[in-house]
N, C-alpha and C. Protein backbone atom coordinates (compact mmCIF):
# COMPACT_ATOMS: atom_id res chain seq x y z
N LEU A 1 8.10 4.33 -3.54
CA LEU A 1 9.17 3.45 -3.94
C LEU A 1 9.06 3.21 -5.43
N LEU A 2 10.18 3.16 -6.06
CA LEU A 2 10.18 2.91 -7.49
C LEU A 2 10.87 1.59 -7.75
N PHE A 3 10.21 0.73 -8.47
CA PHE A 3 10.82 -0.51 -8.89
C PHE A 3 10.99 -0.45 -10.39
N LEU A 4 12.21 -0.51 -10.86
CA LEU A 4 12.50 -0.42 -12.28
C LEU A 4 12.65 -1.81 -12.88
N GLY A 5 12.05 -2.02 -14.00
CA GLY A 5 12.23 -3.24 -14.75
C GLY A 5 12.92 -2.91 -16.05
N PRO A 6 13.25 -3.90 -16.85
CA PRO A 6 13.96 -3.64 -18.09
C PRO A 6 13.17 -2.76 -19.06
N ILE A 7 11.85 -2.87 -19.08
CA ILE A 7 11.05 -2.13 -20.04
C ILE A 7 10.07 -1.17 -19.36
N VAL A 8 9.60 -1.54 -18.21
CA VAL A 8 8.53 -0.78 -17.57
C VAL A 8 8.91 -0.43 -16.15
N PHE A 9 8.42 0.71 -15.66
CA PHE A 9 8.60 0.98 -14.26
C PHE A 9 7.24 1.16 -13.61
N ILE A 10 7.15 0.75 -12.37
CA ILE A 10 5.89 0.71 -11.65
C ILE A 10 5.92 1.75 -10.54
N PHE A 11 4.87 2.53 -10.43
CA PHE A 11 4.77 3.51 -9.36
C PHE A 11 4.08 2.87 -8.16
N LEU A 12 4.69 2.96 -7.03
CA LEU A 12 4.07 2.52 -5.80
C LEU A 12 3.82 3.75 -4.94
N LEU A 13 2.72 3.77 -4.26
CA LEU A 13 2.29 4.95 -3.53
C LEU A 13 2.37 4.70 -2.04
N ASP A 14 2.82 5.71 -1.34
CA ASP A 14 2.84 5.68 0.11
C ASP A 14 2.13 6.93 0.57
N PHE A 15 1.28 6.83 1.57
CA PHE A 15 0.67 8.05 2.07
C PHE A 15 0.63 8.01 3.58
N ARG A 16 0.73 9.20 4.15
CA ARG A 16 0.64 9.37 5.60
C ARG A 16 -0.30 10.53 5.85
N THR A 17 -1.15 10.41 6.83
CA THR A 17 -2.02 11.52 7.15
C THR A 17 -1.38 12.35 8.25
N ALA A 18 -1.62 13.64 8.19
CA ALA A 18 -1.10 14.54 9.21
C ALA A 18 -2.15 14.67 10.31
N PRO A 19 -1.76 14.49 11.57
CA PRO A 19 -2.74 14.60 12.64
C PRO A 19 -3.23 16.03 12.80
N VAL A 20 -4.46 16.16 13.19
CA VAL A 20 -5.03 17.47 13.46
C VAL A 20 -5.03 17.68 14.96
N ILE A 21 -4.38 18.73 15.41
CA ILE A 21 -4.34 19.06 16.83
C ILE A 21 -5.17 20.32 17.01
N THR A 22 -6.29 20.21 17.71
CA THR A 22 -7.19 21.34 17.88
C THR A 22 -6.45 22.51 18.49
N GLY A 23 -6.62 23.66 17.88
CA GLY A 23 -5.99 24.87 18.38
C GLY A 23 -4.63 25.13 17.75
N LEU A 24 -3.94 24.09 17.33
CA LEU A 24 -2.63 24.27 16.70
C LEU A 24 -2.74 24.27 15.19
N SER A 25 -3.60 23.41 14.69
CA SER A 25 -3.73 23.32 13.24
C SER A 25 -5.08 22.72 12.90
N ASP A 26 -5.75 23.37 11.99
CA ASP A 26 -7.01 22.81 11.50
C ASP A 26 -6.85 22.28 10.09
N VAL A 27 -5.61 22.14 9.64
CA VAL A 27 -5.34 21.66 8.30
C VAL A 27 -5.30 20.14 8.31
N ILE A 28 -6.07 19.54 7.44
CA ILE A 28 -6.06 18.09 7.27
C ILE A 28 -5.38 17.82 5.93
N SER A 29 -4.33 17.03 5.96
CA SER A 29 -3.59 16.78 4.72
C SER A 29 -3.06 15.35 4.71
N PHE A 30 -2.64 14.93 3.54
CA PHE A 30 -1.94 13.66 3.41
C PHE A 30 -0.85 13.82 2.37
N THR A 31 0.14 12.96 2.46
CA THR A 31 1.30 13.05 1.58
C THR A 31 1.37 11.80 0.72
N THR A 32 1.59 11.98 -0.56
CA THR A 32 1.85 10.85 -1.44
C THR A 32 3.33 10.86 -1.80
N ARG A 33 3.90 9.69 -1.91
CA ARG A 33 5.29 9.53 -2.34
C ARG A 33 5.26 8.61 -3.55
N THR A 34 5.74 9.10 -4.67
CA THR A 34 5.69 8.34 -5.91
C THR A 34 7.09 8.17 -6.46
N GLY A 35 7.42 6.96 -6.87
CA GLY A 35 8.73 6.70 -7.45
C GLY A 35 8.80 7.19 -8.88
N THR A 36 9.91 7.83 -9.21
CA THR A 36 10.17 8.26 -10.58
C THR A 36 11.58 7.84 -10.94
N GLN A 37 11.97 8.02 -12.17
CA GLN A 37 13.33 7.68 -12.57
C GLN A 37 14.34 8.62 -11.93
N GLN A 38 13.90 9.76 -11.42
CA GLN A 38 14.79 10.69 -10.74
C GLN A 38 14.75 10.54 -9.22
N GLY A 39 14.08 9.54 -8.72
CA GLY A 39 13.98 9.34 -7.28
C GLY A 39 12.53 9.47 -6.83
N VAL A 40 12.33 9.61 -5.53
CA VAL A 40 10.99 9.68 -4.95
C VAL A 40 10.53 11.13 -4.90
N ARG A 41 9.31 11.37 -5.34
CA ARG A 41 8.72 12.70 -5.27
C ARG A 41 7.57 12.67 -4.28
N SER A 42 7.52 13.67 -3.42
CA SER A 42 6.45 13.79 -2.43
C SER A 42 5.53 14.95 -2.79
N HIS A 43 4.25 14.74 -2.53
CA HIS A 43 3.25 15.78 -2.74
C HIS A 43 2.33 15.79 -1.53
N VAL A 44 2.13 16.97 -0.95
CA VAL A 44 1.21 17.13 0.17
C VAL A 44 -0.11 17.64 -0.39
N LEU A 45 -1.19 16.94 -0.07
CA LEU A 45 -2.52 17.32 -0.54
C LEU A 45 -3.39 17.66 0.67
N ARG A 46 -4.12 18.75 0.56
CA ARG A 46 -4.98 19.20 1.66
C ARG A 46 -6.42 18.85 1.35
N VAL A 47 -7.15 18.43 2.39
CA VAL A 47 -8.58 18.17 2.27
C VAL A 47 -9.30 19.02 3.31
N GLU A 48 -10.57 19.22 3.09
CA GLU A 48 -11.34 20.10 3.98
C GLU A 48 -11.90 19.37 5.20
N THR A 49 -12.25 18.09 5.04
CA THR A 49 -12.89 17.36 6.13
C THR A 49 -12.27 15.97 6.30
N HIS A 50 -12.53 15.39 7.47
CA HIS A 50 -12.08 14.02 7.70
C HIS A 50 -12.80 13.05 6.77
N ARG A 51 -14.03 13.36 6.42
CA ARG A 51 -14.78 12.52 5.48
C ARG A 51 -14.08 12.50 4.11
N GLU A 52 -13.60 13.66 3.64
CA GLU A 52 -12.85 13.70 2.38
C GLU A 52 -11.56 12.90 2.48
N LEU A 53 -10.88 13.02 3.62
CA LEU A 53 -9.65 12.25 3.83
C LEU A 53 -9.94 10.76 3.76
N ALA A 54 -11.00 10.34 4.44
CA ALA A 54 -11.38 8.92 4.42
C ALA A 54 -11.71 8.46 3.01
N ALA A 55 -12.38 9.31 2.23
CA ALA A 55 -12.72 8.95 0.85
C ALA A 55 -11.46 8.79 0.00
N TRP A 56 -10.49 9.69 0.17
CA TRP A 56 -9.22 9.58 -0.56
C TRP A 56 -8.50 8.29 -0.19
N VAL A 57 -8.40 8.03 1.11
CA VAL A 57 -7.69 6.83 1.57
C VAL A 57 -8.37 5.57 1.03
N LYS A 58 -9.70 5.53 1.11
CA LYS A 58 -10.44 4.37 0.60
C LYS A 58 -10.20 4.19 -0.90
N SER A 59 -10.24 5.28 -1.66
CA SER A 59 -10.01 5.20 -3.11
C SER A 59 -8.61 4.72 -3.43
N ILE A 60 -7.62 5.23 -2.72
CA ILE A 60 -6.24 4.83 -2.97
C ILE A 60 -6.05 3.34 -2.67
N VAL A 61 -6.56 2.90 -1.53
CA VAL A 61 -6.42 1.49 -1.15
C VAL A 61 -7.16 0.60 -2.15
N THR A 62 -8.38 0.96 -2.50
CA THR A 62 -9.18 0.15 -3.44
C THR A 62 -8.51 0.07 -4.81
N CYS A 63 -8.10 1.21 -5.35
CA CYS A 63 -7.47 1.22 -6.68
C CYS A 63 -6.14 0.46 -6.68
N THR A 64 -5.37 0.60 -5.60
CA THR A 64 -4.11 -0.11 -5.51
C THR A 64 -4.35 -1.62 -5.49
N TYR A 65 -5.33 -2.06 -4.70
CA TYR A 65 -5.65 -3.48 -4.64
C TYR A 65 -6.11 -4.00 -6.00
N GLU A 66 -6.97 -3.24 -6.67
CA GLU A 66 -7.45 -3.66 -7.99
C GLU A 66 -6.31 -3.75 -9.00
N ALA A 67 -5.40 -2.79 -8.96
CA ALA A 67 -4.24 -2.83 -9.86
C ALA A 67 -3.38 -4.06 -9.57
N CYS A 68 -3.22 -4.39 -8.29
CA CYS A 68 -2.43 -5.57 -7.91
C CYS A 68 -3.09 -6.86 -8.38
N THR A 69 -4.41 -6.95 -8.25
CA THR A 69 -5.09 -8.18 -8.68
C THR A 69 -5.01 -8.35 -10.19
N GLU A 70 -5.06 -7.25 -10.94
CA GLU A 70 -4.95 -7.34 -12.40
C GLU A 70 -3.53 -7.69 -12.83
N THR A 71 -2.55 -7.12 -12.14
CA THR A 71 -1.15 -7.33 -12.50
C THR A 71 -0.67 -8.70 -12.05
N GLY A 72 -1.02 -9.08 -10.82
CA GLY A 72 -0.62 -10.38 -10.29
C GLY A 72 0.79 -10.42 -9.75
N GLN A 73 1.76 -9.95 -10.52
CA GLN A 73 3.16 -10.02 -10.11
C GLN A 73 3.93 -8.83 -10.68
N VAL A 74 4.81 -8.30 -9.85
CA VAL A 74 5.73 -7.24 -10.28
C VAL A 74 7.12 -7.67 -9.86
N SER A 75 8.08 -7.54 -10.76
CA SER A 75 9.45 -7.87 -10.40
C SER A 75 10.37 -6.76 -10.89
N CYS A 76 11.49 -6.64 -10.21
CA CYS A 76 12.47 -5.62 -10.60
C CYS A 76 13.86 -6.09 -10.21
N PRO A 77 14.85 -5.67 -10.98
CA PRO A 77 16.24 -6.01 -10.64
C PRO A 77 16.70 -5.21 -9.44
N CYS A 78 17.57 -5.81 -8.64
CA CYS A 78 18.13 -5.12 -7.48
C CYS A 78 19.46 -5.78 -7.11
N ALA A 79 20.17 -5.16 -6.19
CA ALA A 79 21.41 -5.74 -5.66
C ALA A 79 21.19 -6.04 -4.18
N TRP A 80 21.57 -7.24 -3.76
CA TRP A 80 21.44 -7.65 -2.36
C TRP A 80 22.70 -8.43 -1.99
N GLN A 81 23.36 -8.00 -0.94
CA GLN A 81 24.61 -8.62 -0.49
C GLN A 81 25.58 -8.80 -1.66
N ASP A 82 25.77 -7.75 -2.43
CA ASP A 82 26.68 -7.72 -3.59
C ASP A 82 26.33 -8.72 -4.69
N GLU A 83 25.08 -9.14 -4.75
CA GLU A 83 24.62 -10.07 -5.78
C GLU A 83 23.48 -9.42 -6.57
N GLN A 84 23.50 -9.58 -7.88
CA GLN A 84 22.39 -9.11 -8.70
C GLN A 84 21.23 -10.08 -8.54
N CYS A 85 20.08 -9.55 -8.15
CA CYS A 85 18.90 -10.37 -7.86
C CYS A 85 17.68 -9.76 -8.51
N GLU A 86 16.55 -10.42 -8.29
CA GLU A 86 15.26 -9.95 -8.76
C GLU A 86 14.32 -9.94 -7.56
N LEU A 87 13.74 -8.78 -7.26
CA LEU A 87 12.74 -8.67 -6.21
C LEU A 87 11.39 -8.93 -6.84
N VAL A 88 10.63 -9.88 -6.28
CA VAL A 88 9.36 -10.29 -6.87
C VAL A 88 8.26 -10.10 -5.84
N LEU A 89 7.22 -9.36 -6.24
CA LEU A 89 6.04 -9.17 -5.40
C LEU A 89 4.87 -9.87 -6.06
N GLN A 90 4.25 -10.82 -5.34
CA GLN A 90 3.10 -11.56 -5.85
C GLN A 90 1.98 -11.42 -4.85
N LEU A 91 0.81 -11.01 -5.31
CA LEU A 91 -0.31 -10.75 -4.43
C LEU A 91 -0.64 -11.95 -3.56
N ASP A 92 -0.59 -13.16 -4.11
CA ASP A 92 -0.98 -14.34 -3.34
C ASP A 92 0.17 -14.99 -2.57
N LYS A 93 1.43 -14.72 -2.93
CA LYS A 93 2.57 -15.37 -2.28
C LYS A 93 3.40 -14.44 -1.41
N GLY A 94 3.33 -13.15 -1.64
CA GLY A 94 4.13 -12.22 -0.85
C GLY A 94 5.33 -11.70 -1.61
N ILE A 95 6.42 -11.50 -0.89
CA ILE A 95 7.62 -10.89 -1.45
C ILE A 95 8.76 -11.89 -1.43
N SER A 96 9.47 -12.00 -2.55
CA SER A 96 10.57 -12.96 -2.68
C SER A 96 11.78 -12.28 -3.29
N LEU A 97 12.94 -12.84 -3.00
CA LEU A 97 14.16 -12.40 -3.65
C LEU A 97 14.76 -13.60 -4.37
N ILE A 98 14.95 -13.46 -5.68
CA ILE A 98 15.46 -14.54 -6.52
C ILE A 98 16.88 -14.18 -6.93
N GLY A 99 17.82 -15.09 -6.69
CA GLY A 99 19.22 -14.87 -7.06
C GLY A 99 19.43 -14.98 -8.56
N HIS A 100 20.61 -14.57 -9.01
CA HIS A 100 20.92 -14.63 -10.45
C HIS A 100 20.90 -16.05 -10.98
N ASP A 101 21.02 -17.04 -10.08
CA ASP A 101 20.98 -18.44 -10.48
C ASP A 101 19.56 -19.02 -10.49
N GLY A 102 18.56 -18.17 -10.18
CA GLY A 102 17.17 -18.61 -10.17
C GLY A 102 16.70 -19.18 -8.85
N GLN A 103 17.58 -19.29 -7.86
CA GLN A 103 17.22 -19.84 -6.56
C GLN A 103 16.60 -18.76 -5.67
N ILE A 104 15.62 -19.14 -4.88
CA ILE A 104 14.97 -18.21 -3.95
C ILE A 104 15.91 -17.97 -2.77
N ARG A 105 16.28 -16.71 -2.55
CA ARG A 105 17.13 -16.34 -1.42
C ARG A 105 16.31 -16.21 -0.14
N TRP A 106 15.14 -15.61 -0.25
CA TRP A 106 14.20 -15.56 0.86
C TRP A 106 12.81 -15.26 0.31
N GLN A 107 11.81 -15.62 1.11
CA GLN A 107 10.42 -15.39 0.72
C GLN A 107 9.60 -15.19 1.99
N TYR A 108 8.76 -14.16 2.01
CA TYR A 108 7.92 -13.86 3.16
C TYR A 108 6.53 -13.46 2.68
N PRO A 109 5.51 -13.79 3.48
CA PRO A 109 4.18 -13.25 3.16
C PRO A 109 4.18 -11.75 3.51
N PHE A 110 3.29 -11.00 2.89
CA PHE A 110 3.22 -9.57 3.17
C PHE A 110 2.94 -9.28 4.65
N GLU A 111 2.22 -10.19 5.30
CA GLU A 111 1.87 -10.00 6.71
C GLU A 111 3.11 -9.98 7.61
N ALA A 112 4.22 -10.55 7.14
CA ALA A 112 5.45 -10.60 7.95
C ALA A 112 6.18 -9.26 7.95
N ILE A 113 5.83 -8.37 7.04
CA ILE A 113 6.53 -7.08 6.98
C ILE A 113 6.10 -6.21 8.15
N ARG A 114 7.09 -5.83 8.97
CA ARG A 114 6.82 -4.98 10.12
C ARG A 114 7.02 -3.51 9.77
N ALA A 115 8.04 -3.21 8.96
CA ALA A 115 8.32 -1.83 8.57
C ALA A 115 9.13 -1.83 7.28
N THR A 116 9.01 -0.74 6.53
CA THR A 116 9.82 -0.54 5.34
C THR A 116 10.32 0.89 5.33
N GLY A 117 11.34 1.12 4.56
CA GLY A 117 11.86 2.48 4.42
C GLY A 117 12.74 2.59 3.20
N ASP A 118 13.04 3.81 2.83
CA ASP A 118 13.92 4.04 1.70
C ASP A 118 14.63 5.37 1.91
N ASP A 119 15.66 5.60 1.12
CA ASP A 119 16.41 6.85 1.23
C ASP A 119 15.90 7.91 0.26
N GLY A 120 14.80 7.63 -0.43
CA GLY A 120 14.25 8.58 -1.37
C GLY A 120 14.98 8.60 -2.70
N ASN A 121 15.94 7.72 -2.86
CA ASN A 121 16.70 7.70 -4.10
C ASN A 121 16.80 6.29 -4.67
N ARG A 122 17.62 5.41 -4.02
CA ARG A 122 17.77 4.08 -4.60
C ARG A 122 17.92 2.94 -3.60
N PHE A 123 17.93 3.22 -2.30
CA PHE A 123 18.07 2.15 -1.31
C PHE A 123 16.74 1.89 -0.60
N LEU A 124 16.47 0.62 -0.36
CA LEU A 124 15.24 0.18 0.27
C LEU A 124 15.59 -0.80 1.37
N TRP A 125 14.86 -0.76 2.48
CA TRP A 125 15.04 -1.76 3.51
C TRP A 125 13.68 -2.24 3.98
N ILE A 126 13.64 -3.51 4.38
CA ILE A 126 12.41 -4.15 4.84
C ILE A 126 12.72 -4.88 6.14
N ASP A 127 11.92 -4.61 7.17
CA ASP A 127 12.05 -5.30 8.45
C ASP A 127 10.94 -6.33 8.52
N PHE A 128 11.32 -7.62 8.55
CA PHE A 128 10.33 -8.68 8.55
C PHE A 128 9.87 -9.09 9.95
N GLY A 129 10.49 -8.57 10.99
CA GLY A 129 10.01 -8.84 12.34
C GLY A 129 10.11 -10.30 12.74
N PRO A 130 9.49 -10.66 13.88
CA PRO A 130 9.56 -12.03 14.38
C PRO A 130 8.86 -13.00 13.42
N PRO A 131 9.22 -14.25 13.37
CA PRO A 131 10.25 -14.87 14.19
C PRO A 131 11.66 -14.68 13.65
N SER A 132 11.81 -14.27 12.39
CA SER A 132 13.17 -14.19 11.82
C SER A 132 13.90 -12.93 12.25
N ASP A 133 13.17 -11.85 12.53
CA ASP A 133 13.76 -10.54 12.87
C ASP A 133 14.80 -10.11 11.85
N GLU A 134 14.59 -10.49 10.59
CA GLU A 134 15.53 -10.14 9.54
C GLU A 134 15.25 -8.74 9.02
N LEU A 135 16.31 -7.95 8.90
CA LEU A 135 16.23 -6.63 8.28
C LEU A 135 16.99 -6.72 6.97
N VAL A 136 16.27 -6.60 5.86
CA VAL A 136 16.85 -6.76 4.54
C VAL A 136 17.09 -5.38 3.94
N ARG A 137 18.30 -5.16 3.45
CA ARG A 137 18.64 -3.90 2.78
C ARG A 137 19.13 -4.22 1.37
N PHE A 138 18.66 -3.48 0.39
CA PHE A 138 19.16 -3.66 -0.96
C PHE A 138 18.97 -2.41 -1.77
N ALA A 139 19.62 -2.37 -2.93
CA ALA A 139 19.57 -1.21 -3.82
C ALA A 139 18.79 -1.57 -5.07
N TYR A 140 17.96 -0.63 -5.54
CA TYR A 140 17.28 -0.84 -6.80
C TYR A 140 18.30 -0.68 -7.91
N ALA A 141 18.10 -1.39 -8.97
CA ALA A 141 18.94 -1.22 -10.15
C ALA A 141 18.42 -0.02 -10.93
N ILE A 142 19.27 0.95 -11.16
CA ILE A 142 18.85 2.16 -11.88
C ILE A 142 19.62 2.25 -13.18
């Protein structure tokens, strides 16, 4: 996912591991998805062992967490329900949407996120699950 700000853009990483099915495939791989100004780019990386895969996953999670603790907050412009807003991610507070008038439209802890998705270009959706069961869809400002 790519979140664009007025001066800086932040790369967020998503990875999925490919299951190994004995006899069908002995390839162990994972995919990274990185946001760019041209949309989302995917890269499939192959590893030789499950231990290497675990080391990659641990490194990615650790480095991402460290970057988040140093940054503290990331915000980006977006459109939600035909309104220009600011999506704000704060490590200690979660995810918020701030309207053009400065009022909080919604705020959830990260633990409330059940699923996320994107179209690989400019649309993002977040499913916050129970108790609100809210599915939020919005467009990044490009």
